[in-house]
Amino acid sequence: MIRCRAFLLALVVVLPIAKVAPAQEVRVAAAADLKFALQDVAAQFEKQTGTKVDITYGSSGSFVSQLQNGAPFDLFFSADVDYPKRLEEAGLTEPGTLYKYAAGRLAIWTPADGRVEVVRLEWKAVLLDPAVQKISIANPEHAPYGRAAVAALRKAGIYEQVKGKLVYGENISQAAQFVQSGNAQAGIVAMSLAVSPGMKDGKRWEIPADMYPPIEQAAVILKNAANRNGAHAFLAFVKSKAGRATLGKYGFTFPPVLTATTSAAPKKK
């Protein structure tokens, strides 16, 4: 009888604890241009599923080095497709999970009270304006948006004129912070940041997409994911209509959807 009571008492103590135990979170490494967009997507996912998404933001190239050294993430959202492919080739990803989730866009951004009237100038003229002494961009060594910015400057034929003005952020988010703080008078940033809550009141000018290589952004599930089911569920939500609509709200565009085609029936002779 004493043993039975002890067992029942243990159930009373253990069951409530098990009931409130939190669901295992999904750990995500994400490119800095996703700071607001993916945060919004994750909030919707958490509300729908109860699964928490813990996101760490940084430069895509830096994350690759961390992941190659065993950093404990379930999912990697890169600002380009090459970095996930590199991990895939190294056997560090779950086969068949690489997914191009969106394409990024470049914009020039200046503070609302800045001296440059962006709306009255062509984007190249903004960067050449004497009032712009420093231009912030992401470091092209490991940030896809930085490489795209340099490509746009070269194609526009103004790289040599402005290269002395360039200051480099560790990632695109830091590049945006430089111009927000006044350490630069203009920044070449991701459109997804330029339209974010903290920057939407500034002046912005989109750089035409044909001025730089496409910024195709991709995600992949890591081979050593601790929460594989959660990672698949979150990636599926990103692919969903709601996920894509949220990314679109932050200025992302989407690659064409490839559909299977059937051969036409042979004509009768």
Protein backbone atom coordinates (compact mmCIF):
# COMPACT_ATOMS: atom_id res chain seq x y z
CA MET A 1 0.00 0.00 0.00
CA ILE A 2 2.85 2.38 0.90
CA ARG A 3 4.53 1.65 -2.46
CA CYS A 4 1.26 2.30 -4.29
CA ARG A 5 0.81 5.65 -2.57
CA ALA A 6 4.39 6.60 -3.35
CA PHE A 7 3.83 5.73 -7.03
CA LEU A 8 0.63 7.83 -7.19
CA LEU A 9 2.41 10.73 -5.51
CA ALA A 10 5.17 10.51 -8.12
CA LEU A 11 2.58 10.71 -10.90
CA VAL A 12 1.05 13.81 -9.32
CA VAL A 13 4.49 15.45 -9.24
CA VAL A 14 5.73 14.33 -12.68
CA LEU A 15 2.64 14.68 -14.87
CA PRO A 16 2.15 18.46 -14.49
CA ILE A 17 5.83 19.00 -15.35
CA ALA A 18 5.54 16.86 -18.49
CA LYS A 19 2.40 18.73 -19.46
CA VAL A 20 4.08 22.13 -19.60
CA ALA A 21 7.41 21.00 -21.05
CA PRO A 22 8.18 23.29 -24.06
CA ALA A 23 8.41 21.90 -27.57
CA GLN A 24 11.95 21.52 -28.87
CA GLU A 25 12.94 24.72 -30.65
CA VAL A 26 14.22 25.03 -34.20
CA ARG A 27 17.66 26.65 -34.39
CA VAL A 28 18.21 28.73 -37.51
CA ALA A 29 21.31 30.47 -38.88
CA ALA A 30 20.09 33.23 -41.20
CA ALA A 31 21.58 35.91 -43.42
CA ALA A 32 21.33 39.40 -41.94
CA ASP A 33 19.01 40.68 -44.69
CA LEU A 34 16.32 38.40 -43.23
CA LYS A 35 16.34 40.02 -39.78
CA PHE A 36 12.82 41.43 -39.99
CA ALA A 37 11.24 39.26 -42.67
CA LEU A 38 12.16 35.88 -41.14
CA GLN A 39 11.35 37.16 -37.67
CA ASP A 40 7.83 37.89 -38.93
CA VAL A 41 7.55 34.47 -40.59
CA ALA A 42 8.82 32.74 -37.43
CA ALA A 43 6.26 34.54 -35.24
CA GLN A 44 3.44 33.26 -37.45
CA PHE A 45 4.89 29.74 -37.39
CA GLU A 46 5.23 29.75 -33.60
CA LYS A 47 1.65 30.95 -33.20
CA GLN A 48 0.38 28.20 -35.50
CA THR A 49 2.48 25.30 -34.18
CA GLY A 50 3.70 26.26 -30.70
CA THR A 51 7.27 25.49 -31.78
CA LYS A 52 9.77 28.23 -30.99
CA VAL A 53 12.22 29.34 -33.69
CA ASP A 54 15.56 30.62 -32.39
CA ILE A 55 17.24 32.66 -35.14
CA THR A 56 20.83 33.87 -35.19
CA TYR A 57 21.65 36.47 -37.86
CA GLY A 58 25.00 37.11 -39.53
CA SER A 59 26.89 37.03 -42.80
CA SER A 60 26.33 33.96 -44.96
CA GLY A 61 30.03 33.35 -45.52
CA SER A 62 30.81 33.46 -41.80
CA PHE A 63 28.03 30.96 -41.11
CA VAL A 64 29.49 28.51 -43.62
CA SER A 65 32.76 28.45 -41.66
CA GLN A 66 30.84 27.91 -38.41
CA LEU A 67 28.72 25.13 -39.88
CA GLN A 68 31.78 23.38 -41.30
CA ASN A 69 33.11 23.37 -37.75
CA GLY A 70 29.95 21.83 -36.27
CA ALA A 71 27.90 24.86 -35.20
CA PRO A 72 24.63 23.51 -33.73
CA PHE A 73 21.95 24.71 -36.17
CA ASP A 74 19.03 22.88 -37.77
CA LEU A 75 18.51 25.17 -40.75
CA PHE A 76 20.63 27.60 -42.74
CA PHE A 77 19.06 30.49 -44.67
CA SER A 78 21.73 31.99 -46.91
CA ALA A 79 21.73 35.27 -48.84
CA ASP A 80 22.85 33.33 -51.90
CA VAL A 81 22.60 29.80 -53.26
CA ASP A 82 26.33 29.08 -53.52
CA TYR A 83 27.00 28.77 -49.80
CA PRO A 84 24.31 26.10 -49.20
CA LYS A 85 25.58 24.28 -52.28
CA ARG A 86 29.08 24.31 -50.81
CA LEU A 87 27.76 22.70 -47.63
CA GLU A 88 25.77 20.21 -49.72
CA GLU A 89 28.89 19.20 -51.65
CA ALA A 90 30.73 18.71 -48.35
CA GLY A 91 28.03 16.27 -47.19
CA LEU A 92 26.87 18.55 -44.36
CA THR A 93 23.22 18.88 -45.41
CA GLU A 94 20.20 16.64 -45.59
CA PRO A 95 19.96 15.50 -49.24
CA GLY A 96 17.19 17.03 -51.29
CA THR A 97 16.38 19.88 -48.90
CA LEU A 98 18.12 22.79 -50.65
CA TYR A 99 15.43 25.32 -51.59
CA LYS A 100 15.64 28.72 -53.30
CA TYR A 101 13.21 30.63 -51.15
CA ALA A 102 13.52 34.15 -52.65
CA ALA A 103 15.58 36.67 -54.57
CA GLY A 104 16.94 39.80 -52.89
CA ARG A 105 17.02 43.38 -54.16
CA LEU A 106 19.48 46.23 -53.65
CA ALA A 107 18.54 49.74 -52.62
CA ILE A 108 20.35 52.95 -51.73
CA TRP A 109 19.18 54.34 -48.40
CA THR A 110 19.75 57.67 -46.72
CA PRO A 111 18.23 59.07 -43.49
CA ALA A 112 15.01 61.08 -43.77
CA ASP A 113 16.85 64.21 -42.62
CA GLY A 114 19.84 63.62 -44.91
CA ARG A 115 21.01 66.35 -47.28
CA VAL A 116 20.66 64.20 -50.41
CA GLU A 117 17.30 64.37 -52.17
CA VAL A 118 17.16 60.79 -53.42
CA VAL A 119 13.78 61.13 -55.08
CA ARG A 120 15.12 63.84 -57.38
CA LEU A 121 18.26 62.03 -58.46
CA GLU A 122 19.20 58.94 -60.43
CA TRP A 123 20.68 56.36 -58.06
CA LYS A 124 24.22 56.85 -59.41
CA ALA A 125 24.00 60.60 -58.82
CA VAL A 126 23.13 59.99 -55.17
CA LEU A 127 26.41 58.18 -54.58
CA LEU A 128 28.40 60.84 -56.46
CA ASP A 129 26.78 63.73 -54.57
CA PRO A 130 29.41 65.77 -52.63
CA ALA A 131 27.22 65.51 -49.52
CA VAL A 132 27.85 61.76 -49.50
CA GLN A 133 31.32 61.30 -48.05
CA LYS A 134 30.88 57.69 -46.88
CA ILE A 135 28.88 54.86 -48.44
CA SER A 136 28.28 51.74 -46.37
CA ILE A 137 28.08 48.31 -47.97
CA ALA A 138 28.39 44.77 -46.65
CA ASN A 139 31.86 43.26 -46.83
CA PRO A 140 32.08 41.65 -50.29
CA GLU A 141 34.56 39.08 -48.94
CA HIS A 142 31.79 37.08 -47.27
CA ALA A 143 28.47 38.90 -47.81
CA PRO A 144 26.52 38.32 -51.06
CA TYR A 145 24.90 41.76 -50.87
CA GLY A 146 28.35 43.34 -50.67
CA ARG A 147 29.43 41.50 -53.82
CA ALA A 148 26.23 42.57 -55.57
CA ALA A 149 26.83 46.20 -54.55
CA VAL A 150 30.36 46.18 -55.97
CA ALA A 151 29.06 44.56 -59.18
CA ALA A 152 26.44 47.31 -59.55
CA LEU A 153 29.02 50.05 -59.02
CA ARG A 154 31.34 48.51 -61.59
CA LYS A 155 28.59 48.06 -64.17
CA ALA A 156 27.48 51.65 -63.64
CA GLY A 157 31.04 52.76 -64.30
CA ILE A 158 31.39 54.64 -61.00
CA TYR A 159 33.32 52.16 -58.84
CA GLU A 160 36.64 53.98 -59.22
CA GLN A 161 34.97 57.29 -58.34
CA VAL A 162 33.35 56.03 -55.14
CA LYS A 163 35.64 53.28 -53.87
CA GLY A 164 37.39 55.73 -51.56
CA LYS A 165 34.02 56.45 -49.91
CA LEU A 166 33.19 52.81 -49.16
CA VAL A 167 33.01 51.56 -45.57
CA TYR A 168 32.33 47.89 -44.93
CA GLY A 169 29.93 46.30 -42.48
CA GLU A 170 30.51 42.74 -41.32
CA ASN A 171 27.11 41.94 -42.84
CA ILE A 172 24.30 43.83 -44.55
CA SER A 173 22.60 44.61 -41.25
CA GLN A 174 25.73 46.30 -39.92
CA ALA A 175 26.08 48.22 -43.18
CA ALA A 176 22.55 49.54 -42.61
CA GLN A 177 23.44 50.47 -39.02
CA PHE A 178 26.39 52.54 -40.24
CA VAL A 179 24.17 54.81 -42.30
CA GLN A 180 21.42 54.89 -39.66
CA SER A 181 23.92 56.06 -37.05
CA GLY A 182 25.39 58.76 -39.29
CA ASN A 183 28.75 57.06 -39.80
CA ALA A 184 27.88 57.01 -43.50
CA GLN A 185 25.64 59.38 -45.46
CA ALA A 186 24.31 56.65 -47.78
CA GLY A 187 24.20 52.89 -47.77
CA ILE A 188 23.73 50.21 -50.41
CA VAL A 189 21.54 47.83 -48.46
CA ALA A 190 19.02 45.03 -48.91
CA MET A 191 15.56 46.24 -49.85
CA SER A 192 14.24 43.99 -47.07
CA LEU A 193 16.02 46.24 -44.55
CA ALA A 194 15.20 49.51 -46.32
CA VAL A 195 11.46 48.80 -45.90
CA SER A 196 11.77 47.48 -42.33
CA PRO A 197 10.14 49.35 -39.41
CA GLY A 198 13.30 51.19 -38.37
CA MET A 199 14.21 52.37 -41.88
CA LYS A 200 10.97 52.74 -43.81
CA ASP A 201 10.78 56.49 -43.15
CA GLY A 202 14.17 57.14 -44.77
CA LYS A 203 14.82 57.94 -48.42
CA ARG A 204 15.47 55.01 -50.70
CA TRP A 205 16.14 54.34 -54.35
CA GLU A 206 16.11 50.87 -55.85
CA ILE A 207 19.10 49.86 -57.93
CA PRO A 208 17.80 48.22 -61.14
CA ALA A 209 18.06 44.43 -60.96
CA ASP A 210 19.93 44.26 -64.27
CA MET A 211 22.86 46.12 -62.69
CA TYR A 212 24.01 43.14 -60.61
CA PRO A 213 23.89 39.32 -60.73
CA PRO A 214 20.65 37.85 -59.32
CA ILE A 215 20.75 37.51 -55.53
CA GLU A 216 19.18 34.04 -55.39
CA GLN A 217 18.75 33.11 -51.75
CA ALA A 218 18.51 29.52 -50.58
CA ALA A 219 17.89 27.49 -47.44
CA VAL A 220 18.95 23.99 -46.49
CA ILE A 221 18.45 21.60 -43.57
CA LEU A 222 21.69 20.56 -41.90
CA LYS A 223 22.67 16.90 -41.72
CA ASN A 224 23.21 17.03 -37.96
CA ALA A 225 19.96 18.87 -37.20
CA ALA A 226 18.83 18.08 -33.66
CA ASN A 227 15.20 18.95 -34.46
CA ARG A 228 14.80 17.50 -37.93
CA ASN A 229 11.00 17.40 -37.84
CA GLY A 230 10.81 21.01 -36.66
CA ALA A 231 13.24 22.08 -39.38
CA HIS A 232 11.13 20.42 -42.07
CA ALA A 233 7.97 21.99 -40.67
CA PHE A 234 9.45 25.48 -40.59
CA LEU A 235 10.89 25.21 -44.10
CA ALA A 236 7.48 24.02 -45.33
CA PHE A 237 5.90 27.09 -43.73
CA VAL A 238 8.40 29.36 -45.50
CA LYS A 239 7.36 27.68 -48.77
CA SER A 240 3.66 28.16 -48.01
CA LYS A 241 1.46 30.93 -49.36
CA ALA A 242 1.59 32.73 -45.99
CA GLY A 243 5.37 32.47 -45.81
CA ARG A 244 5.91 33.76 -49.33
CA ALA A 245 3.43 36.59 -48.80
CA THR A 246 5.37 37.72 -45.73
CA LEU A 247 8.71 37.64 -47.55
CA GLY A 248 7.12 39.57 -50.42
CA LYS A 249 6.00 42.24 -47.97
CA TYR A 250 9.67 42.90 -47.21
CA GLY A 251 10.63 43.36 -50.83
CA PHE A 252 11.74 39.86 -51.78
CA THR A 253 10.85 38.47 -55.18
CA PHE A 254 10.52 34.83 -56.14
CA PRO A 255 12.19 32.61 -58.74
CA PRO A 256 9.89 31.26 -61.46
CA VAL A 257 8.15 28.06 -60.40
CA LEU A 258 9.20 25.18 -62.61
CA THR A 259 6.33 22.95 -63.62
CA ALA A 260 6.44 19.61 -65.36
CA THR A 261 5.42 19.70 -68.98
CA THR A 262 4.06 16.87 -71.04
CA SER A 263 5.00 16.20 -74.59
CA ALA A 264 2.41 17.07 -77.18
CA ALA A 265 0.64 14.14 -78.78
CA PRO A 266 2.09 13.25 -82.18
CA LYS A 267 0.11 14.58 -85.08
CA LYS A 268 -1.80 12.11 -87.15
CA LYS A 269 -0.53 11.70 -90.67
